[in-house]
Amino acid sequence: IFDYFLGGSYNFEVDRVLARQALEIWPEIPRILQANRAFLRRAGRV
């Protein structure tokens, strides 16, 4: 599901169904996860 939210390709319909349900409740999830991944990259470079 995390992979799906980050635009990855290793997810299945069962994951996408739950991800879409989560988006209905919390539409900011993809942006939050992308910000988290960006932070990890910045922290690693530092």
All heavy atoms as atom14 arrays in JSON, in Angstrom:
{
  "sequence": "IFDYFLGGSYNFEVDRVLARQALEIWPEIPRILQANRAFLRRAGRV",
  "atom14_mask": [
    [1, 1, 1, 1, 1, 1, 1, 1, 0, 0, 0, 0, 0, 0],
    [1, 1, 1, 1, 1, 1, 1, 1, 1, 1, 1, 0, 0, 0],
    [1, 1, 1, 1, 1, 1, 1, 1, 0, 0, 0, 0, 0, 0],
    [1, 1, 1, 1, 1, 1, 1, 1, 1, 1, 1, 1, 0, 0],
    [1, 1, 1, 1, 1, 1, 1, 1, 1, 1, 1, 0, 0, 0],
    [1, 1, 1, 1, 1, 1, 1, 1, 0, 0, 0, 0, 0, 0],
    [1, 1, 1, 1, 0, 0, 0, 0, 0, 0, 0, 0, 0, 0],
    [1, 1, 1, 1, 0, 0, 0, 0, 0, 0, 0, 0, 0, 0],
    [1, 1, 1, 1, 1, 1, 0, 0, 0, 0, 0, 0, 0, 0],
    [1, 1, 1, 1, 1, 1, 1, 1, 1, 1, 1, 1, 0, 0],
    [1, 1, 1, 1, 1, 1, 1, 1, 0, 0, 0, 0, 0, 0],
    [1, 1, 1, 1, 1, 1, 1, 1, 1, 1, 1, 0, 0, 0],
    [1, 1, 1, 1, 1, 1, 1, 1, 1, 0, 0, 0, 0, 0],
    [1, 1, 1, 1, 1, 1, 1, 0, 0, 0, 0, 0, 0, 0],
    [1, 1, 1, 1, 1, 1, 1, 1, 0, 0, 0, 0, 0, 0],
    [1, 1, 1, 1, 1, 1, 1, 1, 1, 1, 1, 0, 0, 0],
    [1, 1, 1, 1, 1, 1, 1, 0, 0, 0, 0, 0, 0, 0],
    [1, 1, 1, 1, 1, 1, 1, 1, 0, 0, 0, 0, 0, 0],
    [1, 1, 1, 1, 1, 0, 0, 0, 0, 0, 0, 0, 0, 0],
    [1, 1, 1, 1, 1, 1, 1, 1, 1, 1, 1, 0, 0, 0],
    [1, 1, 1, 1, 1, 1, 1, 1, 1, 0, 0, 0, 0, 0],
    [1, 1, 1, 1, 1, 0, 0, 0, 0, 0, 0, 0, 0, 0],
    [1, 1, 1, 1, 1, 1, 1, 1, 0, 0, 0, 0, 0, 0],
    [1, 1, 1, 1, 1, 1, 1, 1, 1, 0, 0, 0, 0, 0],
    [1, 1, 1, 1, 1, 1, 1, 1, 0, 0, 0, 0, 0, 0],
    [1, 1, 1, 1, 1, 1, 1, 1, 1, 1, 1, 1, 1, 1],
    [1, 1, 1, 1, 1, 1, 1, 0, 0, 0, 0, 0, 0, 0],
    [1, 1, 1, 1, 1, 1, 1, 1, 1, 0, 0, 0, 0, 0],
    [1, 1, 1, 1, 1, 1, 1, 1, 0, 0, 0, 0, 0, 0],
    [1, 1, 1, 1, 1, 1, 1, 0, 0, 0, 0, 0, 0, 0],
    [1, 1, 1, 1, 1, 1, 1, 1, 1, 1, 1, 0, 0, 0],
    [1, 1, 1, 1, 1, 1, 1, 1, 0, 0, 0, 0, 0, 0],
    [1, 1, 1, 1, 1, 1, 1, 1, 0, 0, 0, 0, 0, 0],
    [1, 1, 1, 1, 1, 1, 1, 1, 1, 0, 0, 0, 0, 0],
    [1, 1, 1, 1, 1, 0, 0, 0, 0, 0, 0, 0, 0, 0],
    [1, 1, 1, 1, 1, 1, 1, 1, 0, 0, 0, 0, 0, 0],
    [1, 1, 1, 1, 1, 1, 1, 1, 1, 1, 1, 0, 0, 0],
    [1, 1, 1, 1, 1, 0, 0, 0, 0, 0, 0, 0, 0, 0],
    [1, 1, 1, 1, 1, 1, 1, 1, 1, 1, 1, 0, 0, 0],
    [1, 1, 1, 1, 1, 1, 1, 1, 0, 0, 0, 0, 0, 0],
    [1, 1, 1, 1, 1, 1, 1, 1, 1, 1, 1, 0, 0, 0],
    [1, 1, 1, 1, 1, 1, 1, 1, 1, 1, 1, 0, 0, 0],
    [1, 1, 1, 1, 1, 0, 0, 0, 0, 0, 0, 0, 0, 0],
    [1, 1, 1, 1, 0, 0, 0, 0, 0, 0, 0, 0, 0, 0],
    [1, 1, 1, 1, 1, 1, 1, 1, 1, 1, 1, 0, 0, 0],
    [1, 1, 1, 1, 1, 1, 1, 0, 0, 0, 0, 0, 0, 0]
  ],
  "atom14_positions": [
    [[0.85, -1.2, 0.0], [0.0, 0.0, 0.0], [0.88, 1.24, 0.0], [0.63, 2.2, -0.73], [-0.96, -0.02, 1.2], [-1.97, -1.15, 1.03], [-1.67, 1.33, 1.35], [-2.79, -1.44, 2.27], [0.0, 0.0, 0.0], [0.0, 0.0, 0.0], [0.0, 0.0, 0.0], [0.0, 0.0, 0.0], [0.0, 0.0, 0.0], [0.0, 0.0, 0.0]],
    [[1.94, 1.23, 0.8], [2.91, 2.33, 0.82], [3.49, 2.51, -0.57], [3.61, 3.63, -1.09], [4.01, 1.99, 1.83], [4.86, 3.14, 2.26], [4.63, 3.79, 3.45], [5.93, 3.56, 1.49], [5.44, 4.83, 3.87], [6.75, 4.6, 1.89], [6.5, 5.24, 3.07], [0.0, 0.0, 0.0], [0.0, 0.0, 0.0], [0.0, 0.0, 0.0]],
    [[3.85, 1.4, -1.21], [4.37, 1.43, -2.58], [3.35, 2.09, -3.52], [3.72, 2.93, -4.34], [4.69, 0.0, -3.03], [5.08, -0.08, -4.49], [6.2, 0.33, -4.82], [4.25, -0.56, -5.31], [0.0, 0.0, 0.0], [0.0, 0.0, 0.0], [0.0, 0.0, 0.0], [0.0, 0.0, 0.0], [0.0, 0.0, 0.0], [0.0, 0.0, 0.0]],
    [[2.1, 1.74, -3.39], [1.04, 2.32, -4.23], [0.97, 3.83, -4.03], [0.92, 4.6, -4.99], [-0.3, 1.66, -3.89], [-1.47, 2.31, -4.56], [-1.75, 2.09, -5.9], [-2.33, 3.15, -3.84], [-2.84, 2.68, -6.53], [-3.41, 3.75, -4.45], [-3.67, 3.51, -5.79], [-4.74, 4.1, -6.4], [0.0, 0.0, 0.0], [0.0, 0.0, 0.0]],
    [[0.98, 4.27, -2.77], [0.89, 5.7, -2.48], [2.1, 6.48, -3.01], [2.0, 7.66, -3.32], [0.75, 5.96, -0.99], [-0.63, 5.68, -0.44], [-0.79, 4.99, 0.74], [-1.77, 6.1, -1.11], [-2.05, 4.75, 1.25], [-3.04, 5.86, -0.61], [-3.18, 5.18, 0.58], [0.0, 0.0, 0.0], [0.0, 0.0, 0.0], [0.0, 0.0, 0.0]],
    [[3.24, 5.81, -3.12], [4.44, 6.46, -3.64], [4.55, 6.34, -5.16], [5.54, 6.76, -5.75], [5.69, 5.88, -2.98], [5.86, 6.19, -1.5], [7.09, 5.5, -0.95], [5.93, 7.69, -1.25], [0.0, 0.0, 0.0], [0.0, 0.0, 0.0], [0.0, 0.0, 0.0], [0.0, 0.0, 0.0], [0.0, 0.0, 0.0], [0.0, 0.0, 0.0]],
    [[3.53, 5.76, -5.79], [3.54, 5.64, -7.24], [4.3, 4.44, -7.75], [4.64, 4.38, -8.94], [0.0, 0.0, 0.0], [0.0, 0.0, 0.0], [0.0, 0.0, 0.0], [0.0, 0.0, 0.0], [0.0, 0.0, 0.0], [0.0, 0.0, 0.0], [0.0, 0.0, 0.0], [0.0, 0.0, 0.0], [0.0, 0.0, 0.0], [0.0, 0.0, 0.0]],
    [[4.56, 3.48, -6.88], [5.29, 2.28, -7.27], [4.43, 1.32, -8.08], [3.24, 1.55, -8.3], [0.0, 0.0, 0.0], [0.0, 0.0, 0.0], [0.0, 0.0, 0.0], [0.0, 0.0, 0.0], [0.0, 0.0, 0.0], [0.0, 0.0, 0.0], [0.0, 0.0, 0.0], [0.0, 0.0, 0.0], [0.0, 0.0, 0.0], [0.0, 0.0, 0.0]],
    [[5.04, 0.24, -8.51], [4.34, -0.71, -9.37], [4.23, -2.1, -8.76], [3.72, -3.01, -9.4], [5.04, -0.8, -10.72], [6.37, -1.26, -10.54], [0.0, 0.0, 0.0], [0.0, 0.0, 0.0], [0.0, 0.0, 0.0], [0.0, 0.0, 0.0], [0.0, 0.0, 0.0], [0.0, 0.0, 0.0], [0.0, 0.0, 0.0], [0.0, 0.0, 0.0]],
    [[4.71, -2.28, -7.51], [4.6, -3.61, -6.91], [3.5, -3.62, -5.87], [3.75, -3.63, -4.66], [5.93, -4.09, -6.33], [5.92, -5.59, -6.21], [6.21, -6.38, -7.31], [5.56, -6.21, -5.04], [6.14, -7.76, -7.24], [5.5, -7.58, -4.95], [5.79, -8.35, -6.05], [5.71, -9.71, -5.98], [0.0, 0.0, 0.0], [0.0, 0.0, 0.0]],
    [[2.27, -3.55, -6.37], [1.09, -3.65, -5.52], [0.01, -4.36, -6.31], [0.1, -4.48, -7.53], [0.64, -2.25, -5.05], [0.49, -1.29, -6.2], [-0.48, -1.35, -6.95], [1.46, -0.41, -6.37], [0.0, 0.0, 0.0], [0.0, 0.0, 0.0], [0.0, 0.0, 0.0], [0.0, 0.0, 0.0], [0.0, 0.0, 0.0], [0.0, 0.0, 0.0]],
    [[-0.97, -4.86, -5.6], [-2.02, -5.66, -6.22], [-3.37, -5.02, -5.94], [-3.49, -4.12, -5.11], [-1.98, -7.09, -5.68], [-0.67, -7.78, -5.96], [0.34, -7.78, -5.02], [-0.45, -8.4, -7.18], [1.56, -8.4, -5.28], [0.76, -9.03, -7.45], [1.77, -9.03, -6.5], [0.0, 0.0, 0.0], [0.0, 0.0, 0.0], [0.0, 0.0, 0.0]],
    [[-4.4, -5.5, -6.62], [-5.73, -4.91, -6.48], [-6.18, -4.91, -5.02], [-6.78, -3.93, -4.57], [-6.74, -5.66, -7.36], [-8.12, -5.01, -7.37], [-8.13, -3.57, -7.85], [-7.23, -3.15, -8.6], [-9.06, -2.83, -7.46], [0.0, 0.0, 0.0], [0.0, 0.0, 0.0], [0.0, 0.0, 0.0], [0.0, 0.0, 0.0], [0.0, 0.0, 0.0]],
    [[-5.91, -5.95, -4.27], [-6.3, -5.99, -2.86], [-5.67, -4.82, -2.09], [-6.3, -4.24, -1.21], [-5.96, -7.36, -2.22], [-4.45, -7.57, -2.13], [-6.6, -7.5, -0.86], [0.0, 0.0, 0.0], [0.0, 0.0, 0.0], [0.0, 0.0, 0.0], [0.0, 0.0, 0.0], [0.0, 0.0, 0.0], [0.0, 0.0, 0.0], [0.0, 0.0, 0.0]],
    [[-4.45, -4.44, -2.45], [-3.77, -3.3, -1.82], [-4.39, -1.98, -2.28], [-4.61, -1.07, -1.47], [-2.28, -3.31, -2.17], [-1.63, -4.64, -1.86], [-1.78, -5.13, -0.72], [-0.97, -5.2, -2.76], [0.0, 0.0, 0.0], [0.0, 0.0, 0.0], [0.0, 0.0, 0.0], [0.0, 0.0, 0.0], [0.0, 0.0, 0.0], [0.0, 0.0, 0.0]],
    [[-4.67, -1.88, -3.56], [-5.23, -0.64, -4.11], [-6.62, -0.37, -3.58], [-6.99, 0.79, -3.34], [-5.2, -0.69, -5.63], [-3.77, -0.73, -6.19], [-3.72, -0.63, -7.69], [-4.21, -1.81, -8.38], [-3.46, -2.86, -8.7], [-2.17, -2.88, -8.4], [-3.98, -3.89, -9.35], [0.0, 0.0, 0.0], [0.0, 0.0, 0.0], [0.0, 0.0, 0.0]],
    [[-7.41, -1.42, -3.37], [-8.77, -1.25, -2.81], [-8.67, -0.61, -1.42], [-9.35, 0.37, -1.13], [-9.52, -2.6, -2.75], [-10.76, -2.51, -1.9], [-9.86, -3.08, -4.15], [0.0, 0.0, 0.0], [0.0, 0.0, 0.0], [0.0, 0.0, 0.0], [0.0, 0.0, 0.0], [0.0, 0.0, 0.0], [0.0, 0.0, 0.0], [0.0, 0.0, 0.0]],
    [[-7.82, -1.16, -0.57], [-7.68, -0.61, 0.77], [-7.08, 0.8, 0.73], [-7.5, 1.69, 1.48], [-6.82, -1.52, 1.65], [-6.76, -1.13, 3.13], [-8.14, -1.1, 3.75], [-5.86, -2.08, 3.88], [0.0, 0.0, 0.0], [0.0, 0.0, 0.0], [0.0, 0.0, 0.0], [0.0, 0.0, 0.0], [0.0, 0.0, 0.0], [0.0, 0.0, 0.0]],
    [[-6.15, 1.03, -0.18], [-5.55, 2.35, -0.32], [-6.6, 3.38, -0.72], [-6.64, 4.49, -0.16], [-4.41, 2.32, -1.36], [0.0, 0.0, 0.0], [0.0, 0.0, 0.0], [0.0, 0.0, 0.0], [0.0, 0.0, 0.0], [0.0, 0.0, 0.0], [0.0, 0.0, 0.0], [0.0, 0.0, 0.0], [0.0, 0.0, 0.0], [0.0, 0.0, 0.0]],
    [[-7.46, 3.03, -1.65], [-8.52, 3.97, -2.07], [-9.49, 4.25, -0.92], [-9.95, 5.39, -0.75], [-9.24, 3.44, -3.3], [-8.39, 3.53, -4.57], [-9.18, 3.21, -5.82], [-9.59, 1.82, -5.9], [-8.89, 0.86, -6.53], [-7.76, 1.14, -7.14], [-9.35, -0.38, -6.57], [0.0, 0.0, 0.0], [0.0, 0.0, 0.0], [0.0, 0.0, 0.0]],
    [[-9.78, 3.24, -0.11], [-10.64, 3.46, 1.05], [-9.97, 4.41, 2.04], [-10.62, 5.3, 2.59], [-10.95, 2.12, 1.73], [-11.85, 1.23, 0.92], [-11.99, -0.16, 1.53], [-11.33, -0.51, 2.5], [-12.86, -0.97, 0.93], [0.0, 0.0, 0.0], [0.0, 0.0, 0.0], [0.0, 0.0, 0.0], [0.0, 0.0, 0.0], [0.0, 0.0, 0.0]],
    [[-8.68, 4.23, 2.25], [-7.94, 5.11, 3.15], [-7.94, 6.54, 2.63], [-8.05, 7.49, 3.41], [-6.52, 4.59, 3.34], [0.0, 0.0, 0.0], [0.0, 0.0, 0.0], [0.0, 0.0, 0.0], [0.0, 0.0, 0.0], [0.0, 0.0, 0.0], [0.0, 0.0, 0.0], [0.0, 0.0, 0.0], [0.0, 0.0, 0.0], [0.0, 0.0, 0.0]],
    [[-7.82, 6.7, 1.32], [-7.82, 8.04, 0.72], [-9.14, 8.78, 0.95], [-9.15, 10.01, 1.06], [-7.53, 7.96, -0.78], [-6.08, 7.71, -1.16], [-5.96, 7.44, -2.65], [-5.2, 8.86, -0.74], [0.0, 0.0, 0.0], [0.0, 0.0, 0.0], [0.0, 0.0, 0.0], [0.0, 0.0, 0.0], [0.0, 0.0, 0.0], [0.0, 0.0, 0.0]],
    [[-10.23, 8.04, 1.0], [-11.52, 8.66, 1.26], [-11.56, 9.27, 2.67], [-12.2, 10.29, 2.88], [-12.65, 7.64, 1.11], [-12.87, 7.2, -0.32], [-13.93, 6.12, -0.45], [-14.66, 5.87, 0.54], [-14.01, 5.52, -1.53], [0.0, 0.0, 0.0], [0.0, 0.0, 0.0], [0.0, 0.0, 0.0], [0.0, 0.0, 0.0], [0.0, 0.0, 0.0]],
    [[-10.86, 8.65, 3.59], [-10.84, 9.13, 4.97], [-9.76, 10.19, 5.17], [-9.95, 11.17, 5.88], [-10.59, 7.94, 5.93], [-11.75, 6.94, 5.82], [-10.42, 8.42, 7.37], [-11.46, 5.6, 6.44], [0.0, 0.0, 0.0], [0.0, 0.0, 0.0], [0.0, 0.0, 0.0], [0.0, 0.0, 0.0], [0.0, 0.0, 0.0], [0.0, 0.0, 0.0]],
    [[-8.6, 9.98, 4.53], [-7.44, 10.84, 4.75], [-6.76, 11.1, 3.41], [-5.74, 10.48, 3.09], [-6.5, 10.16, 5.73], [-5.51, 11.03, 6.39], [-5.41, 12.39, 6.34], [-4.42, 10.6, 7.21], [-4.36, 12.82, 7.09], [-3.72, 11.74, 7.64], [-3.97, 9.37, 7.64], [-2.61, 11.69, 8.45], [-2.87, 9.3, 8.46], [-2.2, 10.46, 8.86]],
    [[-7.26, 12.03, 2.62], [-6.74, 12.25, 1.27], [-5.3, 12.75, 1.22], [-4.67, 12.7, 0.16], [-7.7, 13.28, 0.66], [-8.55, 13.78, 1.76], [-8.42, 12.86, 2.92], [0.0, 0.0, 0.0], [0.0, 0.0, 0.0], [0.0, 0.0, 0.0], [0.0, 0.0, 0.0], [0.0, 0.0, 0.0], [0.0, 0.0, 0.0], [0.0, 0.0, 0.0]],
    [[-4.76, 13.2, 2.34], [-3.38, 13.71, 2.36], [-2.32, 12.62, 2.46], [-1.12, 12.91, 2.42], [-3.19, 14.68, 3.54], [-4.1, 15.89, 3.49], [-5.47, 15.62, 4.14], [-5.67, 14.56, 4.75], [-6.35, 16.49, 4.0], [0.0, 0.0, 0.0], [0.0, 0.0, 0.0], [0.0, 0.0, 0.0], [0.0, 0.0, 0.0], [0.0, 0.0, 0.0]],
    [[-2.73, 11.37, 2.61], [-1.77, 10.28, 2.84], [-0.62, 10.28, 1.81], [0.54, 10.22, 2.21], [-2.46, 8.91, 2.88], [-3.31, 8.77, 4.14], [-1.46, 7.77, 2.84], [-4.15, 7.51, 4.19], [0.0, 0.0, 0.0], [0.0, 0.0, 0.0], [0.0, 0.0, 0.0], [0.0, 0.0, 0.0], [0.0, 0.0, 0.0], [0.0, 0.0, 0.0]],
    [[-0.89, 10.32, 0.51], [0.24, 10.27, -0.43], [1.25, 11.41, -0.21], [2.45, 11.18, -0.22], [-0.42, 10.37, -1.8], [-1.8, 9.83, -1.59], [-2.17, 10.28, -0.2], [0.0, 0.0, 0.0], [0.0, 0.0, 0.0], [0.0, 0.0, 0.0], [0.0, 0.0, 0.0], [0.0, 0.0, 0.0], [0.0, 0.0, 0.0], [0.0, 0.0, 0.0]],
    [[0.76, 12.62, 0.01], [1.67, 13.75, 0.24], [2.49, 13.57, 1.51], [3.67, 13.89, 1.55], [0.89, 15.06, 0.31], [0.43, 15.56, -1.03], [-0.01, 17.02, -1.03], [-0.45, 17.53, 0.24], [-1.72, 17.73, 0.6], [-2.68, 17.45, -0.24], [-2.03, 18.23, 1.77], [0.0, 0.0, 0.0], [0.0, 0.0, 0.0], [0.0, 0.0, 0.0]],
    [[1.86, 13.04, 2.55], [2.58, 12.8, 3.81], [3.67, 11.75, 3.61], [4.81, 11.93, 4.06], [1.6, 12.37, 4.91], [0.68, 13.54, 5.27], [2.33, 11.84, 6.14], [-0.52, 13.16, 6.1], [0.0, 0.0, 0.0], [0.0, 0.0, 0.0], [0.0, 0.0, 0.0], [0.0, 0.0, 0.0], [0.0, 0.0, 0.0], [0.0, 0.0, 0.0]],
    [[3.35, 10.67, 2.92], [4.34, 9.62, 2.69], [5.46, 10.09, 1.77], [6.63, 9.73, 1.95], [3.67, 8.37, 2.14], [2.65, 7.7, 3.07], [2.04, 6.49, 2.41], [3.27, 7.35, 4.41], [0.0, 0.0, 0.0], [0.0, 0.0, 0.0], [0.0, 0.0, 0.0], [0.0, 0.0, 0.0], [0.0, 0.0, 0.0], [0.0, 0.0, 0.0]],
    [[5.13, 10.91, 0.78], [6.17, 11.46, -0.1], [7.07, 12.4, 0.68], [8.3, 12.4, 0.49], [5.52, 12.19, -1.28], [4.85, 11.24, -2.24], [3.88, 11.92, -3.18], [3.69, 13.13, -3.14], [3.22, 11.13, -4.02], [0.0, 0.0, 0.0], [0.0, 0.0, 0.0], [0.0, 0.0, 0.0], [0.0, 0.0, 0.0], [0.0, 0.0, 0.0]],
    [[6.5, 13.2, 1.59], [7.32, 14.09, 2.43], [8.22, 13.28, 3.35], [9.39, 13.63, 3.56], [6.41, 15.02, 3.25], [0.0, 0.0, 0.0], [0.0, 0.0, 0.0], [0.0, 0.0, 0.0], [0.0, 0.0, 0.0], [0.0, 0.0, 0.0], [0.0, 0.0, 0.0], [0.0, 0.0, 0.0], [0.0, 0.0, 0.0], [0.0, 0.0, 0.0]],
    [[7.7, 12.18, 3.87], [8.51, 11.31, 4.73], [9.69, 10.74, 3.96], [10.83, 10.74, 4.44], [7.64, 10.19, 5.29], [8.44, 9.15, 6.04], [8.82, 8.13, 5.46], [8.68, 9.41, 7.31], [0.0, 0.0, 0.0], [0.0, 0.0, 0.0], [0.0, 0.0, 0.0], [0.0, 0.0, 0.0], [0.0, 0.0, 0.0], [0.0, 0.0, 0.0]],
    [[9.45, 10.27, 2.74], [10.52, 9.71, 1.91], [11.55, 10.78, 1.56], [12.75, 10.54, 1.6], [9.9, 9.1, 0.64], [10.85, 8.4, -0.3], [11.62, 7.24, 0.33], [10.79, 6.22, 0.89], [10.45, 5.09, 0.31], [10.86, 4.83, -0.9], [9.72, 4.21, 0.94], [0.0, 0.0, 0.0], [0.0, 0.0, 0.0], [0.0, 0.0, 0.0]],
    [[11.08, 12.0, 1.27], [11.99, 13.1, 0.97], [12.85, 13.44, 2.18], [14.05, 13.7, 2.06], [11.2, 14.33, 0.51], [0.0, 0.0, 0.0], [0.0, 0.0, 0.0], [0.0, 0.0, 0.0], [0.0, 0.0, 0.0], [0.0, 0.0, 0.0], [0.0, 0.0, 0.0], [0.0, 0.0, 0.0], [0.0, 0.0, 0.0], [0.0, 0.0, 0.0]],
    [[12.25, 13.41, 3.37], [13.02, 13.66, 4.59], [14.11, 12.61, 4.77], [15.26, 12.94, 5.11], [12.11, 13.67, 5.83], [12.89, 13.64, 7.11], [13.5, 14.78, 7.58], [13.04, 12.45, 7.82], [14.26, 14.75, 8.75], [13.79, 12.41, 8.98], [14.39, 13.56, 9.45], [0.0, 0.0, 0.0], [0.0, 0.0, 0.0], [0.0, 0.0, 0.0]],
    [[13.78, 11.35, 4.54], [14.78, 10.29, 4.69], [15.95, 10.5, 3.72], [17.1, 10.28, 4.09], [14.14, 8.92, 4.45], [13.2, 8.43, 5.54], [12.52, 7.13, 5.1], [13.93, 8.23, 6.85], [0.0, 0.0, 0.0], [0.0, 0.0, 0.0], [0.0, 0.0, 0.0], [0.0, 0.0, 0.0], [0.0, 0.0, 0.0], [0.0, 0.0, 0.0]],
    [[15.64, 10.92, 2.49], [16.72, 11.19, 1.53], [17.6, 12.34, 2.01], [18.83, 12.26, 1.97], [16.14, 11.5, 0.15], [15.67, 10.27, -0.61], [15.37, 10.6, -2.07], [14.33, 11.58, -2.22], [13.04, 11.3, -2.39], [12.65, 10.05, -2.42], [12.17, 12.27, -2.53], [0.0, 0.0, 0.0], [0.0, 0.0, 0.0], [0.0, 0.0, 0.0]],
    [[16.96, 13.43, 2.48], [17.74, 14.58, 2.97], [18.57, 14.2, 4.17], [19.75, 14.55, 4.27], [16.8, 15.75, 3.32], [16.19, 16.43, 2.13], [15.48, 17.73, 2.5], [14.59, 17.63, 3.65], [13.31, 17.29, 3.59], [12.75, 16.98, 2.43], [12.57, 17.25, 4.68], [0.0, 0.0, 0.0], [0.0, 0.0, 0.0], [0.0, 0.0, 0.0]],
    [[17.98, 13.48, 5.11], [18.71, 13.09, 6.32], [19.88, 12.18, 5.96], [20.98, 12.32, 6.53], [17.77, 12.38, 7.29], [0.0, 0.0, 0.0], [0.0, 0.0, 0.0], [0.0, 0.0, 0.0], [0.0, 0.0, 0.0], [0.0, 0.0, 0.0], [0.0, 0.0, 0.0], [0.0, 0.0, 0.0], [0.0, 0.0, 0.0], [0.0, 0.0, 0.0]],
    [[19.68, 11.28, 5.02], [20.77, 10.41, 4.58], [21.91, 11.2, 3.97], [23.09, 10.94, 4.26], [0.0, 0.0, 0.0], [0.0, 0.0, 0.0], [0.0, 0.0, 0.0], [0.0, 0.0, 0.0], [0.0, 0.0, 0.0], [0.0, 0.0, 0.0], [0.0, 0.0, 0.0], [0.0, 0.0, 0.0], [0.0, 0.0, 0.0], [0.0, 0.0, 0.0]],
    [[21.59, 12.18, 3.14], [22.65, 13.02, 2.54], [23.41, 13.8, 3.6], [24.63, 13.92, 3.53], [22.05, 13.96, 1.5], [21.75, 13.27, 0.18], [21.48, 14.26, -0.94], [20.27, 15.04, -0.72], [19.06, 14.69, -1.14], [18.9, 13.56, -1.8], [18.03, 15.46, -0.92], [0.0, 0.0, 0.0], [0.0, 0.0, 0.0], [0.0, 0.0, 0.0]],
    [[22.69, 14.33, 4.59], [23.36, 15.08, 5.66], [24.32, 14.16, 6.41], [25.48, 14.51, 6.66], [22.33, 15.69, 6.63], [22.98, 16.19, 7.91], [21.57, 16.82, 5.95], [0.0, 0.0, 0.0], [0.0, 0.0, 0.0], [0.0, 0.0, 0.0], [0.0, 0.0, 0.0], [0.0, 0.0, 0.0], [0.0, 0.0, 0.0], [0.0, 0.0, 0.0]]
  ]
}
